[in-house]
Amino acid sequence: ALADLAPSELARAREVWQKKYGNPPQTPEERAKHARFLIARGFSG
């Protein structure tokens, strides 16, 4: 099941990120915050 989902992982991650933040990170701290959010959701590094 996870192998079947793998091709859509990037698109799903973009959608989750877009819903949460919408705007690109402006500072390194914001970039880290956005990355931590997506990692906590289980997306690969």
ModelCIF file with pLDDT and N, C-alpha, C, O atoms, coordinates in Angstrom:
data_MODEL
#
_entry.id   MODEL 
#
_entity.id                         1 
_entity.type                       polymer 
_entity.pdbx_number_of_molecules   1 
#
_entity_poly.entity_id                      1 
_entity_poly.type                           'polypeptide(L)' 
_entity_poly.nstd_linkage                   no 
_entity_poly.nstd_monomer                   no 
_entity_poly.pdbx_seq_one_letter_code       ALADLAPSELARAREVWQKKYGNPPQTPEERAKHARFLIARGFSG 
_entity_poly.pdbx_seq_one_letter_code_can   ALADLAPSELARAREVWQKKYGNPPQTPEERAKHARFLIARGFSG 
_entity_poly.pdbx_strand_id                 A 
#
loop_
_entity_poly_seq.entity_id 
_entity_poly_seq.num 
_entity_poly_seq.mon_id 
_entity_poly_seq.hetero 
1 1  ALA n 
1 2  LEU n 
1 3  ALA n 
1 4  ASP n 
1 5  LEU n 
1 6  ALA n 
1 7  PRO n 
1 8  SER n 
1 9  GLU n 
1 10 LEU n 
1 11 ALA n 
1 12 ARG n 
1 13 ALA n 
1 14 ARG n 
1 15 GLU n 
1 16 VAL n 
1 17 TRP n 
1 18 GLN n 
1 19 LYS n 
1 20 LYS n 
1 21 TYR n 
1 22 GLY n 
1 23 ASN n 
1 24 PRO n 
1 25 PRO n 
1 26 GLN n 
1 27 THR n 
1 28 PRO n 
1 29 GLU n 
1 30 GLU n 
1 31 ARG n 
1 32 ALA n 
1 33 LYS n 
1 34 HIS n 
1 35 ALA n 
1 36 ARG n 
1 37 PHE n 
1 38 LEU n 
1 39 ILE n 
1 40 ALA n 
1 41 ARG n 
1 42 GLY n 
1 43 PHE n 
1 44 SER n 
1 45 GLY n 
#
_struct_asym.id          A 
_struct_asym.entity_id   1 
#
loop_
_ma_qa_metric.id 
_ma_qa_metric.mode 
_ma_qa_metric.name 
_ma_qa_metric.software_group_id 
_ma_qa_metric.type 
1 global pLDDT . pLDDT 
2 local  pLDDT . pLDDT 
#
_ma_qa_metric_global.metric_id      1 
_ma_qa_metric_global.metric_value   95.13 
_ma_qa_metric_global.model_id       1 
_ma_qa_metric_global.ordinal_id     1 
#
loop_
_ma_qa_metric_local.label_asym_id 
_ma_qa_metric_local.label_comp_id 
_ma_qa_metric_local.label_seq_id 
_ma_qa_metric_local.metric_id 
_ma_qa_metric_local.metric_value 
_ma_qa_metric_local.model_id 
_ma_qa_metric_local.ordinal_id 
A ALA 1  2 96.00 1 1  
A LEU 2  2 96.00 1 2  
A ALA 3  2 96.00 1 3  
A ASP 4  2 96.00 1 4  
A LEU 5  2 95.00 1 5  
A ALA 6  2 95.00 1 6  
A PRO 7  2 96.00 1 7  
A SER 8  2 96.00 1 8  
A GLU 9  2 96.00 1 9  
A LEU 10 2 96.00 1 10 
A ALA 11 2 96.00 1 11 
A ARG 12 2 97.00 1 12 
A ALA 13 2 97.00 1 13 
A ARG 14 2 96.00 1 14 
A GLU 15 2 96.00 1 15 
A VAL 16 2 97.00 1 16 
A TRP 17 2 96.00 1 17 
A GLN 18 2 95.00 1 18 
A LYS 19 2 96.00 1 19 
A LYS 20 2 95.00 1 20 
A TYR 21 2 94.00 1 21 
A GLY 22 2 88.00 1 22 
A ASN 23 2 89.00 1 23 
A PRO 24 2 91.00 1 24 
A PRO 25 2 91.00 1 25 
A GLN 26 2 91.00 1 26 
A THR 27 2 92.00 1 27 
A PRO 28 2 93.00 1 28 
A GLU 29 2 95.00 1 29 
A GLU 30 2 94.00 1 30 
A ARG 31 2 94.00 1 31 
A ALA 32 2 96.00 1 32 
A LYS 33 2 96.00 1 33 
A HIS 34 2 96.00 1 34 
A ALA 35 2 96.00 1 35 
A ARG 36 2 97.00 1 36 
A PHE 37 2 97.00 1 37 
A LEU 38 2 97.00 1 38 
A ILE 39 2 97.00 1 39 
A ALA 40 2 97.00 1 40 
A ARG 41 2 97.00 1 41 
A GLY 42 2 97.00 1 42 
A PHE 43 2 97.00 1 43 
A SER 44 2 95.00 1 44 
A GLY 45 2 95.00 1 45 
#
loop_
_atom_site.group_PDB 
_atom_site.id 
_atom_site.type_symbol 
_atom_site.label_atom_id 
_atom_site.label_alt_id 
_atom_site.label_comp_id 
_atom_site.label_asym_id 
_atom_site.label_entity_id 
_atom_site.label_seq_id 
_atom_site.pdbx_PDB_ins_code 
_atom_site.Cartn_x 
_atom_site.Cartn_y 
_atom_site.Cartn_z 
_atom_site.occupancy 
_atom_site.B_iso_or_equiv 
_atom_site.pdbx_formal_charge 
_atom_site.auth_seq_id 
_atom_site.auth_comp_id 
_atom_site.auth_asym_id 
_atom_site.auth_atom_id 
_atom_site.pdbx_PDB_model_num 
ATOM 1   N N  . ALA A 1 1  ? 0.833  -1.204 0.000  1.00 96.00 ? 1  ALA A N  1 
ATOM 2   C CA . ALA A 1 1  ? 0.000  0.000  0.000  1.00 96.00 ? 1  ALA A CA 1 
ATOM 3   C C  . ALA A 1 1  ? 0.870  1.257  0.000  1.00 96.00 ? 1  ALA A C  1 
ATOM 4   O O  . ALA A 1 1  ? 0.559  2.225  -0.694 1.00 96.00 ? 1  ALA A O  1 
ATOM 5   N N  . LEU A 1 2  ? 1.943  1.248  0.765  1.00 96.00 ? 2  LEU A N  1 
ATOM 6   C CA . LEU A 1 2  ? 2.833  2.410  0.818  1.00 96.00 ? 2  LEU A CA 1 
ATOM 7   C C  . LEU A 1 2  ? 3.596  2.579  -0.490 1.00 96.00 ? 2  LEU A C  1 
ATOM 8   O O  . LEU A 1 2  ? 3.851  3.703  -0.922 1.00 96.00 ? 2  LEU A O  1 
ATOM 9   N N  . ALA A 1 3  ? 3.961  1.467  -1.119 1.00 96.00 ? 3  ALA A N  1 
ATOM 10  C CA . ALA A 1 3  ? 4.634  1.539  -2.420 1.00 96.00 ? 3  ALA A CA 1 
ATOM 11  C C  . ALA A 1 3  ? 3.698  2.147  -3.467 1.00 96.00 ? 3  ALA A C  1 
ATOM 12  O O  . ALA A 1 3  ? 4.133  2.908  -4.331 1.00 96.00 ? 3  ALA A O  1 
ATOM 13  N N  . ASP A 1 4  ? 2.414  1.805  -3.381 1.00 96.00 ? 4  ASP A N  1 
ATOM 14  C CA . ASP A 1 4  ? 1.435  2.368  -4.314 1.00 96.00 ? 4  ASP A CA 1 
ATOM 15  C C  . ASP A 1 4  ? 1.267  3.876  -4.103 1.00 96.00 ? 4  ASP A C  1 
ATOM 16  O O  . ASP A 1 4  ? 0.989  4.610  -5.051 1.00 96.00 ? 4  ASP A O  1 
ATOM 17  N N  . LEU A 1 5  ? 1.435  4.329  -2.874 1.00 95.00 ? 5  LEU A N  1 
ATOM 18  C CA . LEU A 1 5  ? 1.285  5.753  -2.555 1.00 95.00 ? 5  LEU A CA 1 
ATOM 19  C C  . LEU A 1 5  ? 2.533  6.582  -2.835 1.00 95.00 ? 5  LEU A C  1 
ATOM 20  O O  . LEU A 1 5  ? 2.440  7.798  -3.003 1.00 95.00 ? 5  LEU A O  1 
ATOM 21  N N  . ALA A 1 6  ? 3.689  5.945  -2.887 1.00 95.00 ? 6  ALA A N  1 
ATOM 22  C CA . ALA A 1 6  ? 4.969  6.658  -3.003 1.00 95.00 ? 6  ALA A CA 1 
ATOM 23  C C  . ALA A 1 6  ? 5.015  7.687  -4.138 1.00 95.00 ? 6  ALA A C  1 
ATOM 24  O O  . ALA A 1 6  ? 5.531  8.784  -3.928 1.00 95.00 ? 6  ALA A O  1 
ATOM 25  N N  . PRO A 1 7  ? 4.500  7.378  -5.327 1.00 96.00 ? 7  PRO A N  1 
ATOM 26  C CA . PRO A 1 7  ? 4.581  8.365  -6.409 1.00 96.00 ? 7  PRO A CA 1 
ATOM 27  C C  . PRO A 1 7  ? 3.849  9.687  -6.114 1.00 96.00 ? 7  PRO A C  1 
ATOM 28  O O  . PRO A 1 7  ? 4.185  10.720 -6.693 1.00 96.00 ? 7  PRO A O  1 
ATOM 29  N N  . SER A 1 8  ? 2.868  9.656  -5.233 1.00 96.00 ? 8  SER A N  1 
ATOM 30  C CA . SER A 1 8  ? 2.107  10.873 -4.949 1.00 96.00 ? 8  SER A CA 1 
ATOM 31  C C  . SER A 1 8  ? 2.608  11.624 -3.711 1.00 96.00 ? 8  SER A C  1 
ATOM 32  O O  . SER A 1 8  ? 2.018  12.631 -3.321 1.00 96.00 ? 8  SER A O  1 
ATOM 33  N N  . GLU A 1 9  ? 3.682  11.144 -3.097 1.00 96.00 ? 9  GLU A N  1 
ATOM 34  C CA . GLU A 1 9  ? 4.153  11.728 -1.839 1.00 96.00 ? 9  GLU A CA 1 
ATOM 35  C C  . GLU A 1 9  ? 4.517  13.209 -1.986 1.00 96.00 ? 9  GLU A C  1 
ATOM 36  O O  . GLU A 1 9  ? 4.149  14.017 -1.134 1.00 96.00 ? 9  GLU A O  1 
ATOM 37  N N  . LEU A 1 10 ? 5.226  13.570 -3.043 1.00 96.00 ? 10 LEU A N  1 
ATOM 38  C CA . LEU A 1 10 ? 5.625  14.969 -3.225 1.00 96.00 ? 10 LEU A CA 1 
ATOM 39  C C  . LEU A 1 10 ? 4.399  15.869 -3.392 1.00 96.00 ? 10 LEU A C  1 
ATOM 40  O O  . LEU A 1 10 ? 4.325  16.937 -2.784 1.00 96.00 ? 10 LEU A O  1 
ATOM 41  N N  . ALA A 1 11 ? 3.460  15.449 -4.196 1.00 96.00 ? 11 ALA A N  1 
ATOM 42  C CA . ALA A 1 11 ? 2.244  16.249 -4.408 1.00 96.00 ? 11 ALA A CA 1 
ATOM 43  C C  . ALA A 1 11 ? 1.439  16.381 -3.116 1.00 96.00 ? 11 ALA A C  1 
ATOM 44  O O  . ALA A 1 11 ? 0.908  17.452 -2.821 1.00 96.00 ? 11 ALA A O  1 
ATOM 45  N N  . ARG A 1 12 ? 1.348  15.293 -2.346 1.00 97.00 ? 12 ARG A N  1 
ATOM 46  C CA . ARG A 1 12 ? 0.618  15.340 -1.075 1.00 97.00 ? 12 ARG A CA 1 
ATOM 47  C C  . ARG A 1 12 ? 1.308  16.276 -0.086 1.00 97.00 ? 12 ARG A C  1 
ATOM 48  O O  . ARG A 1 12 ? 0.650  17.029 0.631  1.00 97.00 ? 12 ARG A O  1 
ATOM 49  N N  . ALA A 1 13 ? 2.637  16.222 -0.055 1.00 97.00 ? 13 ALA A N  1 
ATOM 50  C CA . ALA A 1 13 ? 3.402  17.089 0.850  1.00 97.00 ? 13 ALA A CA 1 
ATOM 51  C C  . ALA A 1 13 ? 3.201  18.556 0.470  1.00 97.00 ? 13 ALA A C  1 
ATOM 52  O O  . ALA A 1 13 ? 3.036  19.410 1.341  1.00 97.00 ? 13 ALA A O  1 
ATOM 53  N N  . ARG A 1 14 ? 3.215  18.844 -0.831 1.00 96.00 ? 14 ARG A N  1 
ATOM 54  C CA . ARG A 1 14 ? 2.994  20.234 -1.284 1.00 96.00 ? 14 ARG A CA 1 
ATOM 55  C C  . ARG A 1 14 ? 1.614  20.728 -0.854 1.00 96.00 ? 14 ARG A C  1 
ATOM 56  O O  . ARG A 1 14 ? 1.461  21.865 -0.408 1.00 96.00 ? 14 ARG A O  1 
ATOM 57  N N  . GLU A 1 15 ? 0.618  19.861 -0.994 1.00 96.00 ? 15 GLU A N  1 
ATOM 58  C CA . GLU A 1 15 ? -0.744 20.237 -0.632 1.00 96.00 ? 15 GLU A CA 1 
ATOM 59  C C  . GLU A 1 15 ? -0.871 20.496 0.874  1.00 96.00 ? 15 GLU A C  1 
ATOM 60  O O  . GLU A 1 15 ? -1.496 21.471 1.291  1.00 96.00 ? 15 GLU A O  1 
ATOM 61  N N  . VAL A 1 16 ? -0.274 19.617 1.684  1.00 97.00 ? 16 VAL A N  1 
ATOM 62  C CA . VAL A 1 16 ? -0.304 19.796 3.139  1.00 97.00 ? 16 VAL A CA 1 
ATOM 63  C C  . VAL A 1 16 ? 0.401  21.101 3.511  1.00 97.00 ? 16 VAL A C  1 
ATOM 64  O O  . VAL A 1 16 ? -0.099 21.876 4.327  1.00 97.00 ? 16 VAL A O  1 
ATOM 65  N N  . TRP A 1 17 ? 1.569  21.335 2.902  1.00 96.00 ? 17 TRP A N  1 
ATOM 66  C CA . TRP A 1 17 ? 2.322  22.568 3.170  1.00 96.00 ? 17 TRP A CA 1 
ATOM 67  C C  . TRP A 1 17 ? 1.507  23.794 2.760  1.00 96.00 ? 17 TRP A C  1 
ATOM 68  O O  . TRP A 1 17 ? 1.442  24.777 3.498  1.00 96.00 ? 17 TRP A O  1 
ATOM 69  N N  . GLN A 1 18 ? 0.885  23.731 1.579  1.00 95.00 ? 18 GLN A N  1 
ATOM 70  C CA . GLN A 1 18 ? 0.099  24.865 1.064  1.00 95.00 ? 18 GLN A CA 1 
ATOM 71  C C  . GLN A 1 18 ? -1.057 25.202 1.997  1.00 95.00 ? 18 GLN A C  1 
ATOM 72  O O  . GLN A 1 18 ? -1.325 26.375 2.254  1.00 95.00 ? 18 GLN A O  1 
ATOM 73  N N  . LYS A 1 19 ? -1.744 24.180 2.505  1.00 96.00 ? 19 LYS A N  1 
ATOM 74  C CA . LYS A 1 19 ? -2.864 24.420 3.422  1.00 96.00 ? 19 LYS A CA 1 
ATOM 75  C C  . LYS A 1 19 ? -2.397 25.073 4.712  1.00 96.00 ? 19 LYS A C  1 
ATOM 76  O O  . LYS A 1 19 ? -3.063 25.959 5.248  1.00 96.00 ? 19 LYS A O  1 
ATOM 77  N N  . LYS A 1 20 ? -1.247 24.630 5.207  1.00 95.00 ? 20 LYS A N  1 
ATOM 78  C CA . LYS A 1 20 ? -0.756 25.121 6.495  1.00 95.00 ? 20 LYS A CA 1 
ATOM 79  C C  . LYS A 1 20 ? -0.131 26.512 6.366  1.00 95.00 ? 20 LYS A C  1 
ATOM 80  O O  . LYS A 1 20 ? -0.423 27.398 7.169  1.00 95.00 ? 20 LYS A O  1 
ATOM 81  N N  . TYR A 1 21 ? 0.721  26.706 5.367  1.00 94.00 ? 21 TYR A N  1 
ATOM 82  C CA . TYR A 1 21 ? 1.486  27.947 5.294  1.00 94.00 ? 21 TYR A CA 1 
ATOM 83  C C  . TYR A 1 21 ? 1.129  28.833 4.113  1.00 94.00 ? 21 TYR A C  1 
ATOM 84  O O  . TYR A 1 21 ? 0.922  30.035 4.283  1.00 94.00 ? 21 TYR A O  1 
ATOM 85  N N  . GLY A 1 22 ? 1.055  28.264 2.934  1.00 88.00 ? 22 GLY A N  1 
ATOM 86  C CA . GLY A 1 22 ? 0.690  29.055 1.761  1.00 88.00 ? 22 GLY A CA 1 
ATOM 87  C C  . GLY A 1 22 ? 1.777  29.964 1.249  1.00 88.00 ? 22 GLY A C  1 
ATOM 88  O O  . GLY A 1 22 ? 1.989  30.048 0.040  1.00 88.00 ? 22 GLY A O  1 
ATOM 89  N N  . ASN A 1 23 ? 2.476  30.651 2.142  1.00 89.00 ? 23 ASN A N  1 
ATOM 90  C CA . ASN A 1 23 ? 3.532  31.579 1.737  1.00 89.00 ? 23 ASN A CA 1 
ATOM 91  C C  . ASN A 1 23 ? 4.903  30.978 2.001  1.00 89.00 ? 23 ASN A C  1 
ATOM 92  O O  . ASN A 1 23 ? 5.099  30.282 2.998  1.00 89.00 ? 23 ASN A O  1 
ATOM 93  N N  . PRO A 1 24 ? 5.859  31.246 1.104  1.00 91.00 ? 24 PRO A N  1 
ATOM 94  C CA . PRO A 1 24 ? 7.203  30.705 1.271  1.00 91.00 ? 24 PRO A CA 1 
ATOM 95  C C  . PRO A 1 24 ? 7.866  31.231 2.549  1.00 91.00 ? 24 PRO A C  1 
ATOM 96  O O  . PRO A 1 24 ? 7.588  32.351 2.979  1.00 91.00 ? 24 PRO A O  1 
ATOM 97  N N  . PRO A 1 25 ? 8.730  30.431 3.144  1.00 91.00 ? 25 PRO A N  1 
ATOM 98  C CA . PRO A 1 25 ? 9.441  30.885 4.348  1.00 91.00 ? 25 PRO A CA 1 
ATOM 99  C C  . PRO A 1 25 ? 10.379 32.046 4.004  1.00 91.00 ? 25 PRO A C  1 
ATOM 100 O O  . PRO A 1 25 ? 11.039 32.029 2.965  1.00 91.00 ? 25 PRO A O  1 
ATOM 101 N N  . GLN A 1 26 ? 10.433 33.042 4.870  1.00 91.00 ? 26 GLN A N  1 
ATOM 102 C CA . GLN A 1 26 ? 11.244 34.231 4.622  1.00 91.00 ? 26 GLN A CA 1 
ATOM 103 C C  . GLN A 1 26 ? 12.616 34.157 5.303  1.00 91.00 ? 26 GLN A C  1 
ATOM 104 O O  . GLN A 1 26 ? 13.576 34.772 4.839  1.00 91.00 ? 26 GLN A O  1 
ATOM 105 N N  . THR A 1 27 ? 12.703 33.412 6.389  1.00 92.00 ? 27 THR A N  1 
ATOM 106 C CA . THR A 1 27 ? 13.946 33.344 7.157  1.00 92.00 ? 27 THR A CA 1 
ATOM 107 C C  . THR A 1 27 ? 14.362 31.882 7.313  1.00 92.00 ? 27 THR A C  1 
ATOM 108 O O  . THR A 1 27 ? 13.552 30.976 7.112  1.00 92.00 ? 27 THR A O  1 
ATOM 109 N N  . PRO A 1 28 ? 15.623 31.657 7.671  1.00 93.00 ? 28 PRO A N  1 
ATOM 110 C CA . PRO A 1 28 ? 16.051 30.270 7.928  1.00 93.00 ? 28 PRO A CA 1 
ATOM 111 C C  . PRO A 1 28 ? 15.232 29.613 9.048  1.00 93.00 ? 28 PRO A C  1 
ATOM 112 O O  . PRO A 1 28 ? 14.983 28.408 9.010  1.00 93.00 ? 28 PRO A O  1 
ATOM 113 N N  . GLU A 1 29 ? 14.821 30.395 10.030 1.00 95.00 ? 29 GLU A N  1 
ATOM 114 C CA . GLU A 1 29 ? 14.012 29.861 11.125 1.00 95.00 ? 29 GLU A CA 1 
ATOM 115 C C  . GLU A 1 29 ? 12.657 29.373 10.611 1.00 95.00 ? 29 GLU A C  1 
ATOM 116 O O  . GLU A 1 29 ? 12.175 28.314 11.012 1.00 95.00 ? 29 GLU A O  1 
ATOM 117 N N  . GLU A 1 30 ? 12.051 30.158 9.718  1.00 94.00 ? 30 GLU A N  1 
ATOM 118 C CA . GLU A 1 30 ? 10.764 29.758 9.130  1.00 94.00 ? 30 GLU A CA 1 
ATOM 119 C C  . GLU A 1 30 ? 10.935 28.507 8.271  1.00 94.00 ? 30 GLU A C  1 
ATOM 120 O O  . GLU A 1 30 ? 10.082 27.619 8.286  1.00 94.00 ? 30 GLU A O  1 
ATOM 121 N N  . ARG A 1 31 ? 12.035 28.435 7.523  1.00 94.00 ? 31 ARG A N  1 
ATOM 122 C CA . ARG A 1 31 ? 12.290 27.246 6.690  1.00 94.00 ? 31 ARG A CA 1 
ATOM 123 C C  . ARG A 1 31 ? 12.373 26.011 7.577  1.00 94.00 ? 31 ARG A C  1 
ATOM 124 O O  . ARG A 1 31 ? 11.820 24.961 7.249  1.00 94.00 ? 31 ARG A O  1 
ATOM 125 N N  . ALA A 1 32 ? 13.068 26.146 8.702  1.00 96.00 ? 32 ALA A N  1 
ATOM 126 C CA . ALA A 1 32 ? 13.208 25.022 9.625  1.00 96.00 ? 32 ALA A CA 1 
ATOM 127 C C  . ALA A 1 32 ? 11.855 24.637 10.213 1.00 96.00 ? 32 ALA A C  1 
ATOM 128 O O  . ALA A 1 32 ? 11.559 23.454 10.383 1.00 96.00 ? 32 ALA A O  1 
ATOM 129 N N  . LYS A 1 33 ? 11.037 25.640 10.524 1.00 96.00 ? 33 LYS A N  1 
ATOM 130 C CA . LYS A 1 33 ? 9.708  25.386 11.076 1.00 96.00 ? 33 LYS A CA 1 
ATOM 131 C C  . LYS A 1 33 ? 8.842  24.636 10.061 1.00 96.00 ? 33 LYS A C  1 
ATOM 132 O O  . LYS A 1 33 ? 8.164  23.671 10.413 1.00 96.00 ? 33 LYS A O  1 
ATOM 133 N N  . HIS A 1 34 ? 8.866  25.078 8.814  1.00 96.00 ? 34 HIS A N  1 
ATOM 134 C CA . HIS A 1 34 ? 8.091  24.422 7.759  1.00 96.00 ? 34 HIS A CA 1 
ATOM 135 C C  . HIS A 1 34 ? 8.566  22.983 7.578  1.00 96.00 ? 34 HIS A C  1 
ATOM 136 O O  . HIS A 1 34 ? 7.754  22.070 7.425  1.00 96.00 ? 34 HIS A O  1 
ATOM 137 N N  . ALA A 1 35 ? 9.886  22.785 7.596  1.00 96.00 ? 35 ALA A N  1 
ATOM 138 C CA . ALA A 1 35 ? 10.448 21.441 7.418  1.00 96.00 ? 35 ALA A CA 1 
ATOM 139 C C  . ALA A 1 35 ? 10.050 20.537 8.587  1.00 96.00 ? 35 ALA A C  1 
ATOM 140 O O  . ALA A 1 35 ? 9.652  19.392 8.372  1.00 96.00 ? 35 ALA A O  1 
ATOM 141 N N  . ARG A 1 36 ? 10.151 21.035 9.808  1.00 97.00 ? 36 ARG A N  1 
ATOM 142 C CA . ARG A 1 36 ? 9.768  20.229 10.979 1.00 97.00 ? 36 ARG A CA 1 
ATOM 143 C C  . ARG A 1 36 ? 8.302  19.815 10.905 1.00 97.00 ? 36 ARG A C  1 
ATOM 144 O O  . ARG A 1 36 ? 7.949  18.688 11.249 1.00 97.00 ? 36 ARG A O  1 
ATOM 145 N N  . PHE A 1 37 ? 7.453  20.733 10.454 1.00 97.00 ? 37 PHE A N  1 
ATOM 146 C CA . PHE A 1 37 ? 6.024  20.424 10.320 1.00 97.00 ? 37 PHE A CA 1 
ATOM 147 C C  . PHE A 1 37 ? 5.817  19.243 9.366  1.00 97.00 ? 37 PHE A C  1 
ATOM 148 O O  . PHE A 1 37 ? 5.086  18.305 9.685  1.00 97.00 ? 37 PHE A O  1 
ATOM 149 N N  . LEU A 1 38 ? 6.455  19.291 8.208  1.00 97.00 ? 38 LEU A N  1 
ATOM 150 C CA . LEU A 1 38 ? 6.273  18.227 7.217  1.00 97.00 ? 38 LEU A CA 1 
ATOM 151 C C  . LEU A 1 38 ? 6.898  16.908 7.685  1.00 97.00 ? 38 LEU A C  1 
ATOM 152 O O  . LEU A 1 38 ? 6.349  15.836 7.431  1.00 97.00 ? 38 LEU A O  1 
ATOM 153 N N  . ILE A 1 39 ? 8.027  16.985 8.358  1.00 97.00 ? 39 ILE A N  1 
ATOM 154 C CA . ILE A 1 39 ? 8.665  15.767 8.871  1.00 97.00 ? 39 ILE A CA 1 
ATOM 155 C C  . ILE A 1 39 ? 7.773  15.124 9.933  1.00 97.00 ? 39 ILE A C  1 
ATOM 156 O O  . ILE A 1 39 ? 7.634  13.902 9.975  1.00 97.00 ? 39 ILE A O  1 
ATOM 157 N N  . ALA A 1 40 ? 7.175  15.942 10.783 1.00 97.00 ? 40 ALA A N  1 
ATOM 158 C CA . ALA A 1 40 ? 6.271  15.412 11.813 1.00 97.00 ? 40 ALA A CA 1 
ATOM 159 C C  . ALA A 1 40 ? 5.061  14.726 11.181 1.00 97.00 ? 40 ALA A C  1 
ATOM 160 O O  . ALA A 1 40 ? 4.480  13.815 11.770 1.00 97.00 ? 40 ALA A O  1 
ATOM 161 N N  . ARG A 1 41 ? 4.693  15.158 10.006 1.00 97.00 ? 41 ARG A N  1 
ATOM 162 C CA . ARG A 1 41 ? 3.577  14.535 9.292  1.00 97.00 ? 41 ARG A CA 1 
ATOM 163 C C  . ARG A 1 41 ? 3.986  13.253 8.592  1.00 97.00 ? 41 ARG A C  1 
ATOM 164 O O  . ARG A 1 41 ? 3.143  12.570 8.011  1.00 97.00 ? 41 ARG A O  1 
ATOM 165 N N  . GLY A 1 42 ? 5.279  12.913 8.641  1.00 97.00 ? 42 GLY A N  1 
ATOM 166 C CA . GLY A 1 42 ? 5.738  11.642 8.096  1.00 97.00 ? 42 GLY A CA 1 
ATOM 167 C C  . GLY A 1 42 ? 6.277  11.686 6.685  1.00 97.00 ? 42 GLY A C  1 
ATOM 168 O O  . GLY A 1 42 ? 6.453  10.640 6.060  1.00 97.00 ? 42 GLY A O  1 
ATOM 169 N N  . PHE A 1 43 ? 6.542  12.869 6.171  1.00 97.00 ? 43 PHE A N  1 
ATOM 170 C CA . PHE A 1 43 ? 7.108  12.961 4.828  1.00 97.00 ? 43 PHE A CA 1 
ATOM 171 C C  . PHE A 1 43 ? 8.617  12.781 4.902  1.00 97.00 ? 43 PHE A C  1 
ATOM 172 O O  . PHE A 1 43 ? 9.246  13.161 5.890  1.00 97.00 ? 43 PHE A O  1 
ATOM 173 N N  . SER A 1 44 ? 9.192  12.204 3.865  1.00 95.00 ? 44 SER A N  1 
ATOM 174 C CA . SER A 1 44 ? 10.631 11.911 3.868  1.00 95.00 ? 44 SER A CA 1 
ATOM 175 C C  . SER A 1 44 ? 11.436 13.200 3.784  1.00 95.00 ? 44 SER A C  1 
ATOM 176 O O  . SER A 1 44 ? 10.948 14.237 3.333  1.00 95.00 ? 44 SER A O  1 
ATOM 177 N N  . GLY A 1 45 ? 12.673 13.105 4.229  1.00 95.00 ? 45 GLY A N  1 
ATOM 178 C CA . GLY A 1 45 ? 13.551 14.269 4.209  1.00 95.00 ? 45 GLY A CA 1 
ATOM 179 C C  . GLY A 1 45 ? 13.726 14.852 2.818  1.00 95.00 ? 45 GLY A C  1 
ATOM 180 O O  . GLY A 1 45 ? 14.441 15.840 2.649  1.00 95.00 ? 45 GLY A O  1 
#
